[in-house]
Amino acid sequence: MTIYVGNLSFDAEVEDLQHLFAEYGSVSKCSLPLDRDTGRKRGFAFVEMAEASAETKAISDLQDVEWMGRSIRVNKAEPRPTSAFGNSRW
């Protein structure tokens, strides 16, 4: 399962997210997608943790918490629907 973290501060870095989620368990992967045209952060991230129970606890505890000056949204990531051409967009 992958966690979606939305409404992030544009000052947030991968290390900040790893530190935040490490309180719940081992973080196996963390990414902050960039806008392909500007190279700037898009205000959301994806976090994967080693254990599903840690992910569930992190989602529960961090939903709507103020972090780095923003009320973050934390929930299970849903894959984007497949386009008509069969390409997944995530």
N, C-alpha and C. Protein backbone atom coordinates (compact mmCIF):
# COMPACT_ATOMS: atom_id res chain seq x y z
N MET A 1 0.85 -1.18 0.00
CA MET A 1 0.00 0.00 0.00
C MET A 1 0.89 1.24 0.00
N THR A 2 0.45 2.22 -0.71
CA THR A 2 1.17 3.50 -0.77
C THR A 2 0.30 4.56 -0.11
N ILE A 3 0.94 5.45 0.61
CA ILE A 3 0.25 6.55 1.28
C ILE A 3 0.39 7.81 0.43
N TYR A 4 -0.72 8.50 0.24
CA TYR A 4 -0.73 9.79 -0.43
C TYR A 4 -0.73 10.86 0.65
N VAL A 5 0.15 11.84 0.53
CA VAL A 5 0.21 12.95 1.48
C VAL A 5 0.00 14.22 0.67
N GLY A 6 -1.13 14.88 0.90
CA GLY A 6 -1.47 16.07 0.13
C GLY A 6 -1.46 17.33 0.96
N ASN A 7 -1.55 18.45 0.27
CA ASN A 7 -1.54 19.79 0.86
C ASN A 7 -0.24 20.05 1.62
N LEU A 8 0.86 19.56 1.05
CA LEU A 8 2.17 19.74 1.68
C LEU A 8 2.69 21.16 1.48
N SER A 9 3.47 21.59 2.43
CA SER A 9 4.22 22.83 2.28
C SER A 9 5.23 22.63 1.15
N PHE A 10 5.44 23.65 0.35
CA PHE A 10 6.43 23.55 -0.72
C PHE A 10 7.86 23.56 -0.17
N ASP A 11 8.00 23.80 1.14
CA ASP A 11 9.30 23.73 1.79
C ASP A 11 9.64 22.31 2.23
N ALA A 12 8.67 21.39 2.20
CA ALA A 12 8.90 20.02 2.65
C ALA A 12 9.88 19.31 1.72
N GLU A 13 10.77 18.56 2.31
CA GLU A 13 11.75 17.77 1.57
C GLU A 13 11.53 16.28 1.88
N VAL A 14 12.09 15.42 1.06
CA VAL A 14 11.96 13.97 1.26
C VAL A 14 12.41 13.59 2.67
N GLU A 15 13.51 14.17 3.13
CA GLU A 15 14.04 13.85 4.46
C GLU A 15 13.04 14.22 5.56
N ASP A 16 12.31 15.33 5.38
CA ASP A 16 11.30 15.75 6.36
C ASP A 16 10.19 14.70 6.45
N LEU A 17 9.73 14.24 5.29
CA LEU A 17 8.67 13.22 5.27
C LEU A 17 9.16 11.91 5.86
N GLN A 18 10.38 11.52 5.52
CA GLN A 18 10.93 10.28 6.08
C GLN A 18 10.99 10.36 7.59
N HIS A 19 11.39 11.50 8.11
CA HIS A 19 11.48 11.68 9.56
C HIS A 19 10.08 11.62 10.19
N LEU A 20 9.10 12.28 9.58
CA LEU A 20 7.74 12.28 10.10
C LEU A 20 7.16 10.86 10.14
N PHE A 21 7.29 10.11 9.05
CA PHE A 21 6.70 8.78 8.98
C PHE A 21 7.53 7.72 9.70
N ALA A 22 8.81 7.99 9.95
CA ALA A 22 9.66 7.04 10.68
C ALA A 22 9.16 6.84 12.11
N GLU A 23 8.38 7.79 12.63
CA GLU A 23 7.81 7.63 13.97
C GLU A 23 6.84 6.44 14.02
N TYR A 24 6.37 5.99 12.85
CA TYR A 24 5.40 4.89 12.78
C TYR A 24 6.02 3.58 12.31
N GLY A 25 7.23 3.62 11.83
CA GLY A 25 7.90 2.41 11.36
C GLY A 25 8.90 2.74 10.26
N SER A 26 9.42 1.69 9.65
CA SER A 26 10.45 1.84 8.63
C SER A 26 9.84 2.33 7.31
N VAL A 27 10.38 3.42 6.79
CA VAL A 27 9.93 3.98 5.51
C VAL A 27 10.76 3.32 4.40
N SER A 28 10.08 2.62 3.47
CA SER A 28 10.81 1.97 2.40
C SER A 28 10.99 2.84 1.17
N LYS A 29 10.10 3.80 0.96
CA LYS A 29 10.21 4.67 -0.22
C LYS A 29 9.44 5.95 0.04
N CYS A 30 9.97 7.04 -0.47
CA CYS A 30 9.31 8.34 -0.32
C CYS A 30 9.64 9.17 -1.56
N SER A 31 8.61 9.77 -2.17
CA SER A 31 8.86 10.60 -3.34
C SER A 31 8.01 11.87 -3.31
N LEU A 32 8.62 12.95 -3.78
CA LEU A 32 7.96 14.25 -3.92
C LEU A 32 7.95 14.57 -5.42
N PRO A 33 6.85 14.30 -6.11
CA PRO A 33 6.81 14.55 -7.55
C PRO A 33 7.02 16.03 -7.88
N LEU A 34 7.71 16.24 -9.00
CA LEU A 34 7.97 17.59 -9.48
C LEU A 34 7.16 17.86 -10.74
N ASP A 35 6.80 19.11 -10.94
CA ASP A 35 6.12 19.52 -12.16
C ASP A 35 7.11 19.37 -13.31
N ARG A 36 6.72 18.69 -14.37
CA ARG A 36 7.68 18.43 -15.45
C ARG A 36 8.05 19.69 -16.23
N ASP A 37 7.20 20.71 -16.22
CA ASP A 37 7.51 21.94 -16.95
C ASP A 37 8.37 22.90 -16.14
N THR A 38 8.06 23.05 -14.85
CA THR A 38 8.77 24.04 -14.04
C THR A 38 9.84 23.43 -13.13
N GLY A 39 9.73 22.12 -12.85
CA GLY A 39 10.68 21.48 -11.94
C GLY A 39 10.38 21.75 -10.47
N ARG A 40 9.27 22.44 -10.20
CA ARG A 40 8.90 22.76 -8.82
C ARG A 40 8.08 21.62 -8.21
N LYS A 41 8.12 21.54 -6.89
CA LYS A 41 7.33 20.55 -6.17
C LYS A 41 5.85 20.79 -6.43
N ARG A 42 5.06 19.70 -6.43
CA ARG A 42 3.65 19.81 -6.76
C ARG A 42 2.75 19.88 -5.53
N GLY A 43 3.31 19.78 -4.31
CA GLY A 43 2.52 19.93 -3.09
C GLY A 43 1.94 18.64 -2.56
N PHE A 44 2.43 17.51 -3.07
CA PHE A 44 2.01 16.22 -2.54
C PHE A 44 3.17 15.24 -2.62
N ALA A 45 2.99 14.11 -1.92
CA ALA A 45 4.05 13.09 -1.89
C ALA A 45 3.44 11.71 -1.78
N PHE A 46 4.27 10.71 -2.02
CA PHE A 46 3.90 9.32 -1.82
C PHE A 46 4.90 8.69 -0.88
N VAL A 47 4.39 7.94 0.10
CA VAL A 47 5.24 7.29 1.09
C VAL A 47 4.85 5.82 1.16
N GLU A 48 5.85 4.94 1.14
CA GLU A 48 5.62 3.52 1.34
C GLU A 48 6.37 3.10 2.59
N MET A 49 5.70 2.28 3.40
CA MET A 49 6.31 1.81 4.63
C MET A 49 6.48 0.29 4.55
N ALA A 50 7.40 -0.23 5.35
CA ALA A 50 7.73 -1.64 5.30
C ALA A 50 6.58 -2.53 5.77
N GLU A 51 5.77 -2.04 6.69
CA GLU A 51 4.68 -2.85 7.24
C GLU A 51 3.34 -2.16 7.07
N ALA A 52 2.33 -2.93 6.66
CA ALA A 52 0.99 -2.39 6.43
C ALA A 52 0.39 -1.80 7.71
N SER A 53 0.67 -2.42 8.86
CA SER A 53 0.11 -1.90 10.11
C SER A 53 0.67 -0.51 10.42
N ALA A 54 1.93 -0.27 10.09
CA ALA A 54 2.53 1.05 10.30
C ALA A 54 1.88 2.08 9.38
N GLU A 55 1.59 1.69 8.14
CA GLU A 55 0.92 2.60 7.20
C GLU A 55 -0.47 2.97 7.70
N THR A 56 -1.21 1.98 8.16
CA THR A 56 -2.56 2.22 8.66
C THR A 56 -2.53 3.16 9.85
N LYS A 57 -1.60 2.97 10.78
CA LYS A 57 -1.48 3.82 11.96
C LYS A 57 -1.09 5.24 11.57
N ALA A 58 -0.15 5.37 10.63
CA ALA A 58 0.28 6.70 10.18
C ALA A 58 -0.88 7.45 9.52
N ILE A 59 -1.64 6.77 8.69
CA ILE A 59 -2.79 7.41 8.03
C ILE A 59 -3.78 7.89 9.07
N SER A 60 -4.07 7.05 10.03
CA SER A 60 -5.03 7.39 11.08
C SER A 60 -4.56 8.59 11.91
N ASP A 61 -3.30 8.57 12.32
CA ASP A 61 -2.78 9.60 13.22
C ASP A 61 -2.49 10.93 12.53
N LEU A 62 -2.12 10.90 11.26
CA LEU A 62 -1.65 12.13 10.61
C LEU A 62 -2.69 12.83 9.76
N GLN A 63 -3.85 12.23 9.56
CA GLN A 63 -4.89 12.86 8.75
C GLN A 63 -5.31 14.20 9.36
N ASP A 64 -5.27 15.25 8.56
CA ASP A 64 -5.68 16.61 8.96
C ASP A 64 -4.85 17.21 10.09
N VAL A 65 -3.62 16.76 10.25
CA VAL A 65 -2.70 17.31 11.25
C VAL A 65 -1.98 18.50 10.62
N GLU A 66 -1.73 19.55 11.40
CA GLU A 66 -0.96 20.66 10.88
C GLU A 66 0.52 20.30 10.95
N TRP A 67 1.18 20.39 9.80
CA TRP A 67 2.60 20.05 9.70
C TRP A 67 3.26 21.05 8.76
N MET A 68 4.29 21.69 9.23
CA MET A 68 5.02 22.72 8.47
C MET A 68 4.07 23.82 8.00
N GLY A 69 3.11 24.17 8.87
CA GLY A 69 2.22 25.28 8.60
C GLY A 69 1.02 24.96 7.72
N ARG A 70 0.82 23.68 7.35
CA ARG A 70 -0.30 23.29 6.50
C ARG A 70 -1.03 22.11 7.11
N SER A 71 -2.33 22.05 6.91
CA SER A 71 -3.13 20.91 7.37
C SER A 71 -3.05 19.84 6.29
N ILE A 72 -2.26 18.80 6.54
CA ILE A 72 -1.99 17.79 5.51
C ILE A 72 -3.12 16.76 5.40
N ARG A 73 -3.28 16.23 4.20
CA ARG A 73 -4.23 15.15 3.94
C ARG A 73 -3.41 13.88 3.77
N VAL A 74 -3.78 12.84 4.50
CA VAL A 74 -3.03 11.59 4.47
C VAL A 74 -4.03 10.47 4.27
N ASN A 75 -3.89 9.74 3.18
CA ASN A 75 -4.79 8.61 2.94
C ASN A 75 -4.14 7.59 2.00
N LYS A 76 -4.79 6.48 1.84
CA LYS A 76 -4.29 5.44 0.96
C LYS A 76 -4.29 5.97 -0.46
N ALA A 77 -3.18 5.81 -1.16
CA ALA A 77 -3.08 6.28 -2.54
C ALA A 77 -3.88 5.36 -3.44
N GLU A 78 -4.61 5.96 -4.35
CA GLU A 78 -5.37 5.21 -5.35
C GLU A 78 -4.69 5.42 -6.70
N PRO A 79 -4.42 4.34 -7.44
CA PRO A 79 -3.80 4.53 -8.75
C PRO A 79 -4.72 5.30 -9.68
N ARG A 80 -4.13 6.09 -10.53
CA ARG A 80 -4.91 6.82 -11.52
C ARG A 80 -5.54 5.83 -12.48
N PRO A 81 -6.71 6.15 -12.98
CA PRO A 81 -7.34 5.25 -13.94
C PRO A 81 -6.49 5.12 -15.19
N THR A 82 -6.55 3.98 -15.81
CA THR A 82 -5.83 3.75 -17.05
C THR A 82 -6.49 4.54 -18.17
N SER A 83 -5.69 5.19 -18.99
CA SER A 83 -6.25 5.99 -20.08
C SER A 83 -6.74 5.08 -21.20
N ALA A 84 -7.37 5.65 -22.18
CA ALA A 84 -7.88 4.91 -23.33
C ALA A 84 -6.76 4.22 -24.11
N PHE A 85 -5.54 4.72 -23.94
CA PHE A 85 -4.41 4.15 -24.65
C PHE A 85 -3.68 3.08 -23.83
N GLY A 86 -4.21 2.78 -22.65
CA GLY A 86 -3.62 1.74 -21.81
C GLY A 86 -2.46 2.20 -20.96
N ASN A 87 -2.21 3.47 -20.90
CA ASN A 87 -1.10 3.99 -20.10
C ASN A 87 -1.59 4.38 -18.72
N SER A 88 -0.93 3.87 -17.71
CA SER A 88 -1.22 4.31 -16.35
C SER A 88 -0.47 5.62 -16.15
N ARG A 89 -1.07 6.55 -15.44
CA ARG A 89 -0.44 7.87 -15.28
C ARG A 89 0.12 8.06 -13.89
N TRP A 90 0.74 7.06 -13.32
CA TRP A 90 1.38 7.31 -12.02
C TRP A 90 2.55 6.52 -11.84
